[in-house]
Amino acid sequence: MDEIRKVAPVESARYVAHLPFSATDLSSALIFARTLVRSLAFLDELDGGETTVTHEDEQDGHHRVFCDRLVASGRRCERRPEHEGACQPRGGLRT
């Protein structure tokens, strides 16, 4: 009765969702973005390592949220950009 149907993979394009929010300063905005990405890390469609923050009126000035270098097992470094020490995957960022 219950039949399992196999669905062919669908080719997909990459998109960027712009999600405005309020923060008191750039540091707070980066923390918010980092927390948001980590809370959604279970979504395979999300490329959290590419996350940036911009001021609403300065869309050309992107601030990276994560280092994003490739590390072991095809994971990405989740430390802050320009961190000291070795890169380390700490959880859910995927390639």
Foldseek 3Di string as FASTA:
>chain_A
DDDDDDDDDDDDDDDDDDDDDDDPDPVRVLVVLLVVCQVVLVDPNDQSQADWDDDPVCVPDTAGSACQDQDPPQFGFRHGHPDPDDGDNDDRHHD
